[in-house]
N, C-alpha and C. Protein backbone atom coordinates (compact mmCIF):
# COMPACT_ATOMS: atom_id res chain seq x y z
N MET A 1 24.75 -1.33 55.49
CA MET A 1 23.61 -2.00 54.97
C MET A 1 23.80 -3.58 55.12
N ASN A 2 22.86 -4.17 55.79
CA ASN A 2 22.90 -5.59 56.00
C ASN A 2 22.44 -6.27 54.76
N GLU A 3 23.35 -6.90 54.06
CA GLU A 3 22.93 -7.62 52.76
C GLU A 3 21.93 -8.74 53.01
N GLU A 4 21.85 -9.30 54.19
CA GLU A 4 20.94 -10.36 54.47
C GLU A 4 19.47 -9.91 54.38
N HIS A 5 19.23 -8.66 54.64
CA HIS A 5 17.90 -8.10 54.53
C HIS A 5 17.39 -8.13 53.11
N TYR A 6 18.26 -8.25 52.11
CA TYR A 6 17.97 -8.17 50.73
C TYR A 6 17.92 -9.56 50.04
N LYS A 7 17.94 -10.64 50.92
CA LYS A 7 17.99 -12.02 50.33
C LYS A 7 16.60 -12.75 50.61
N ILE A 8 16.27 -13.47 49.63
CA ILE A 8 15.14 -14.37 49.64
C ILE A 8 15.66 -15.69 49.25
N GLY A 9 15.95 -16.62 50.17
CA GLY A 9 16.58 -17.87 49.92
C GLY A 9 17.96 -17.52 49.35
N ASN A 10 18.32 -18.08 48.15
CA ASN A 10 19.60 -17.82 47.55
C ASN A 10 19.54 -16.63 46.60
N ILE A 11 18.49 -15.89 46.55
CA ILE A 11 18.36 -14.74 45.57
C ILE A 11 18.72 -13.51 46.38
N ASN A 12 19.65 -12.76 45.83
CA ASN A 12 20.02 -11.46 46.43
C ASN A 12 19.55 -10.33 45.61
N LEU A 13 18.73 -9.43 46.22
CA LEU A 13 18.14 -8.32 45.58
C LEU A 13 18.85 -6.94 45.87
N ILE A 14 20.09 -7.04 46.41
CA ILE A 14 20.84 -5.86 46.85
C ILE A 14 21.15 -4.92 45.70
N ASN A 15 21.22 -5.43 44.42
CA ASN A 15 21.59 -4.60 43.32
C ASN A 15 20.39 -3.99 42.58
N VAL A 16 19.16 -4.19 43.13
CA VAL A 16 18.08 -3.51 42.55
C VAL A 16 18.00 -2.12 43.20
N ARG A 17 18.06 -1.07 42.37
CA ARG A 17 18.20 0.29 42.90
C ARG A 17 17.26 1.25 42.23
N ASN A 18 16.91 2.32 42.95
CA ASN A 18 16.12 3.41 42.39
C ASN A 18 17.10 4.37 41.73
N VAL A 19 17.08 4.42 40.41
CA VAL A 19 18.03 5.29 39.67
C VAL A 19 17.86 6.76 39.97
N ASN A 20 16.66 7.13 40.36
CA ASN A 20 16.39 8.53 40.66
C ASN A 20 17.03 8.97 41.95
N GLU A 21 17.48 8.07 42.83
CA GLU A 21 18.13 8.49 44.06
C GLU A 21 19.50 9.13 43.70
N VAL A 22 20.22 8.62 42.76
CA VAL A 22 21.51 9.22 42.36
C VAL A 22 21.27 10.53 41.68
N LYS A 23 20.16 10.67 40.90
CA LYS A 23 19.90 11.95 40.27
C LYS A 23 19.57 13.00 41.29
N VAL A 24 18.90 12.63 42.40
CA VAL A 24 18.56 13.59 43.48
C VAL A 24 19.91 14.02 44.12
N ILE A 25 20.83 13.13 44.35
CA ILE A 25 22.10 13.50 45.02
C ILE A 25 22.86 14.38 44.09
N LYS A 26 22.94 14.10 42.80
CA LYS A 26 23.70 14.94 41.85
C LYS A 26 23.01 16.41 41.85
N MET A 27 21.69 16.43 41.93
CA MET A 27 21.05 17.77 41.88
C MET A 27 21.28 18.51 43.18
N MET A 28 21.37 17.78 44.31
CA MET A 28 21.59 18.44 45.61
C MET A 28 23.00 19.06 45.50
N LYS A 29 24.01 18.42 44.95
CA LYS A 29 25.34 19.04 44.79
C LYS A 29 25.33 20.19 43.86
N GLN A 30 24.50 20.11 42.79
CA GLN A 30 24.48 21.20 41.85
C GLN A 30 23.88 22.44 42.37
N VAL A 31 22.82 22.33 43.17
CA VAL A 31 22.10 23.54 43.64
C VAL A 31 22.60 24.06 44.98
N LEU A 32 23.37 23.23 45.69
CA LEU A 32 23.88 23.65 47.00
C LEU A 32 24.52 25.08 46.99
N PRO A 33 25.31 25.46 46.11
CA PRO A 33 25.91 26.83 46.15
C PRO A 33 24.90 27.91 46.10
N ASP A 34 23.65 27.68 45.64
CA ASP A 34 22.61 28.61 45.63
C ASP A 34 21.94 28.88 47.03
N TYR A 35 22.36 28.13 47.99
CA TYR A 35 21.81 28.27 49.30
C TYR A 35 22.85 28.53 50.39
N PRO A 36 23.40 29.76 50.38
CA PRO A 36 24.48 30.11 51.32
C PRO A 36 23.97 30.06 52.78
N LYS A 37 22.70 30.17 53.05
CA LYS A 37 22.24 30.05 54.44
C LYS A 37 22.01 28.65 54.92
N PHE A 38 22.28 27.67 54.06
CA PHE A 38 22.18 26.28 54.43
C PHE A 38 23.29 25.94 55.38
N ASP A 39 22.95 25.22 56.49
CA ASP A 39 23.98 25.01 57.55
C ASP A 39 24.91 23.82 57.35
N ASN A 40 24.67 22.99 56.27
CA ASN A 40 25.48 21.92 55.92
C ASN A 40 25.61 20.81 56.94
N CYS A 41 24.65 20.73 57.84
CA CYS A 41 24.74 19.64 58.83
C CYS A 41 24.19 18.36 58.24
N THR A 42 24.61 17.25 58.79
CA THR A 42 24.27 15.90 58.33
C THR A 42 22.78 15.65 58.34
N LEU A 43 22.13 16.07 59.46
CA LEU A 43 20.70 15.87 59.59
C LEU A 43 19.90 16.69 58.51
N CYS A 44 20.28 17.86 58.24
CA CYS A 44 19.63 18.72 57.20
C CYS A 44 19.81 18.08 55.81
N PHE A 45 21.04 17.60 55.52
CA PHE A 45 21.31 16.94 54.24
C PHE A 45 20.38 15.69 54.10
N GLN A 46 20.30 14.95 55.15
CA GLN A 46 19.50 13.78 55.15
C GLN A 46 18.02 14.12 54.96
N ASP A 47 17.56 15.15 55.61
CA ASP A 47 16.15 15.65 55.48
C ASP A 47 15.83 16.01 54.06
N ILE A 48 16.79 16.76 53.44
CA ILE A 48 16.60 17.24 52.00
C ILE A 48 16.47 16.01 51.11
N TYR A 49 17.43 15.09 51.34
CA TYR A 49 17.46 13.90 50.49
C TYR A 49 16.13 13.03 50.67
N ALA A 50 15.69 12.85 51.89
CA ALA A 50 14.52 12.06 52.13
C ALA A 50 13.27 12.76 51.60
N LEU A 51 13.23 14.07 51.79
CA LEU A 51 12.04 14.80 51.21
C LEU A 51 12.05 14.66 49.67
N SER A 52 13.23 14.89 49.11
CA SER A 52 13.30 14.85 47.62
C SER A 52 13.02 13.44 47.03
N VAL A 53 13.63 12.46 47.56
CA VAL A 53 13.46 11.06 46.97
C VAL A 53 11.95 10.63 47.16
N SER A 54 11.39 11.10 48.26
CA SER A 54 9.95 10.70 48.45
C SER A 54 8.99 11.30 47.43
N LYS A 55 9.44 12.40 46.81
CA LYS A 55 8.60 13.09 45.88
C LYS A 55 8.90 12.78 44.42
N VAL A 56 10.07 12.21 44.17
CA VAL A 56 10.46 11.86 42.82
C VAL A 56 9.94 10.48 42.50
N THR A 57 9.38 10.23 41.28
CA THR A 57 8.89 8.95 40.87
C THR A 57 10.01 7.96 40.95
N PRO A 58 9.78 6.87 41.69
CA PRO A 58 10.85 5.86 41.77
C PRO A 58 11.02 5.08 40.48
N ARG A 59 12.20 4.75 40.07
CA ARG A 59 12.49 3.92 38.91
C ARG A 59 13.55 2.87 39.30
N TYR A 60 13.03 1.69 39.73
CA TYR A 60 13.89 0.64 40.14
C TYR A 60 14.42 -0.24 38.98
N VAL A 61 15.77 -0.46 39.01
CA VAL A 61 16.30 -1.27 37.98
C VAL A 61 17.36 -2.22 38.59
N GLN A 62 17.69 -3.26 37.83
CA GLN A 62 18.80 -4.11 38.28
C GLN A 62 19.89 -4.00 37.24
N ALA A 63 21.00 -4.58 37.53
CA ALA A 63 22.10 -4.55 36.55
C ALA A 63 21.69 -5.10 35.23
N GLY A 64 22.09 -4.37 34.14
CA GLY A 64 21.66 -4.85 32.85
C GLY A 64 20.24 -4.46 32.35
N THR A 65 19.51 -3.68 33.14
CA THR A 65 18.18 -3.29 32.74
C THR A 65 18.20 -2.32 31.61
N ILE A 66 17.25 -2.53 30.69
CA ILE A 66 17.07 -1.56 29.59
C ILE A 66 15.88 -0.66 30.08
N MET A 67 16.17 0.69 30.09
CA MET A 67 15.12 1.62 30.49
C MET A 67 14.16 1.86 29.35
N LEU A 68 12.89 1.45 29.56
CA LEU A 68 11.89 1.71 28.52
C LEU A 68 11.07 2.92 28.77
N LYS A 69 11.02 3.32 30.04
CA LYS A 69 10.24 4.51 30.42
C LYS A 69 11.24 5.62 30.74
N LYS A 70 10.93 6.82 30.36
CA LYS A 70 11.77 7.96 30.69
C LYS A 70 11.54 8.34 32.21
N SER A 71 12.61 8.51 32.91
CA SER A 71 12.45 8.90 34.33
C SER A 71 12.13 10.39 34.41
N ASP A 72 11.83 10.83 35.70
CA ASP A 72 11.58 12.27 35.91
C ASP A 72 12.63 13.06 35.27
N ASP A 73 12.23 14.19 34.57
CA ASP A 73 13.26 14.97 33.92
C ASP A 73 14.04 15.82 34.92
N GLU A 74 15.18 16.28 34.48
CA GLU A 74 16.03 17.02 35.32
C GLU A 74 15.38 18.29 35.99
N THR A 75 14.51 18.95 35.14
CA THR A 75 13.89 20.24 35.64
C THR A 75 12.93 19.87 36.82
N LYS A 76 12.23 18.77 36.71
CA LYS A 76 11.29 18.40 37.82
C LYS A 76 12.11 18.01 39.06
N ILE A 77 13.17 17.30 38.84
CA ILE A 77 13.98 16.92 39.97
C ILE A 77 14.54 18.17 40.61
N GLU A 78 15.03 19.07 39.82
CA GLU A 78 15.62 20.30 40.39
C GLU A 78 14.54 21.04 41.20
N GLN A 79 13.34 21.18 40.67
CA GLN A 79 12.29 21.82 41.49
C GLN A 79 12.05 21.13 42.81
N ILE A 80 12.00 19.86 42.78
CA ILE A 80 11.71 19.05 43.97
C ILE A 80 12.87 19.29 44.96
N VAL A 81 14.12 19.21 44.53
CA VAL A 81 15.29 19.43 45.41
C VAL A 81 15.33 20.85 45.96
N ARG A 82 15.07 21.84 45.09
CA ARG A 82 15.01 23.25 45.59
C ARG A 82 13.98 23.44 46.67
N SER A 83 12.85 22.84 46.41
CA SER A 83 11.72 23.04 47.40
C SER A 83 12.12 22.40 48.73
N ALA A 84 12.84 21.25 48.72
CA ALA A 84 13.27 20.59 49.92
C ALA A 84 14.31 21.43 50.64
N PHE A 85 15.24 22.02 49.91
CA PHE A 85 16.23 22.95 50.53
C PHE A 85 15.55 24.05 51.24
N GLU A 86 14.60 24.75 50.57
CA GLU A 86 13.90 25.79 51.13
C GLU A 86 13.11 25.46 52.41
N MET A 87 12.48 24.29 52.35
CA MET A 87 11.73 23.86 53.47
C MET A 87 12.66 23.57 54.69
N VAL A 88 13.75 22.91 54.44
CA VAL A 88 14.67 22.57 55.55
C VAL A 88 15.39 23.78 56.08
N ILE A 89 15.72 24.70 55.21
CA ILE A 89 16.29 25.92 55.70
C ILE A 89 15.35 26.74 56.58
N LYS A 90 14.10 26.77 56.19
CA LYS A 90 13.02 27.53 56.94
C LYS A 90 12.74 26.83 58.20
N GLN A 91 12.66 25.55 58.25
CA GLN A 91 12.31 24.77 59.43
C GLN A 91 13.26 23.57 59.65
N PRO A 92 14.50 23.82 60.09
CA PRO A 92 15.42 22.68 60.28
C PRO A 92 14.90 21.81 61.38
N ASN A 93 15.29 20.56 61.35
CA ASN A 93 14.86 19.58 62.32
C ASN A 93 15.80 19.52 63.51
N HIS A 94 16.31 20.64 63.88
CA HIS A 94 17.23 20.81 65.07
C HIS A 94 17.19 22.31 65.56
N PRO A 95 17.61 22.55 66.77
CA PRO A 95 17.52 23.93 67.26
C PRO A 95 18.52 24.82 66.54
């Protein structure tokens, strides 16, 4: 990741992050054993991640942020991730 892309003058925005991205990754790890037909290739993992993150409500925070709104609950994230696994297994983006 090129840190320069995240700068405006002397202000660095690199530490502003979508906290739900990490929740998606954790959920992917949690449900992976439920999909023995999944091929574990890099492209398929990336597709599942991209599909899931694009459907989860983004919650961007910076270091020291106090969360005032509740982010998507674990059940909703699990449903989104499972749906992405099923979609990618059914139609992988490779032969």
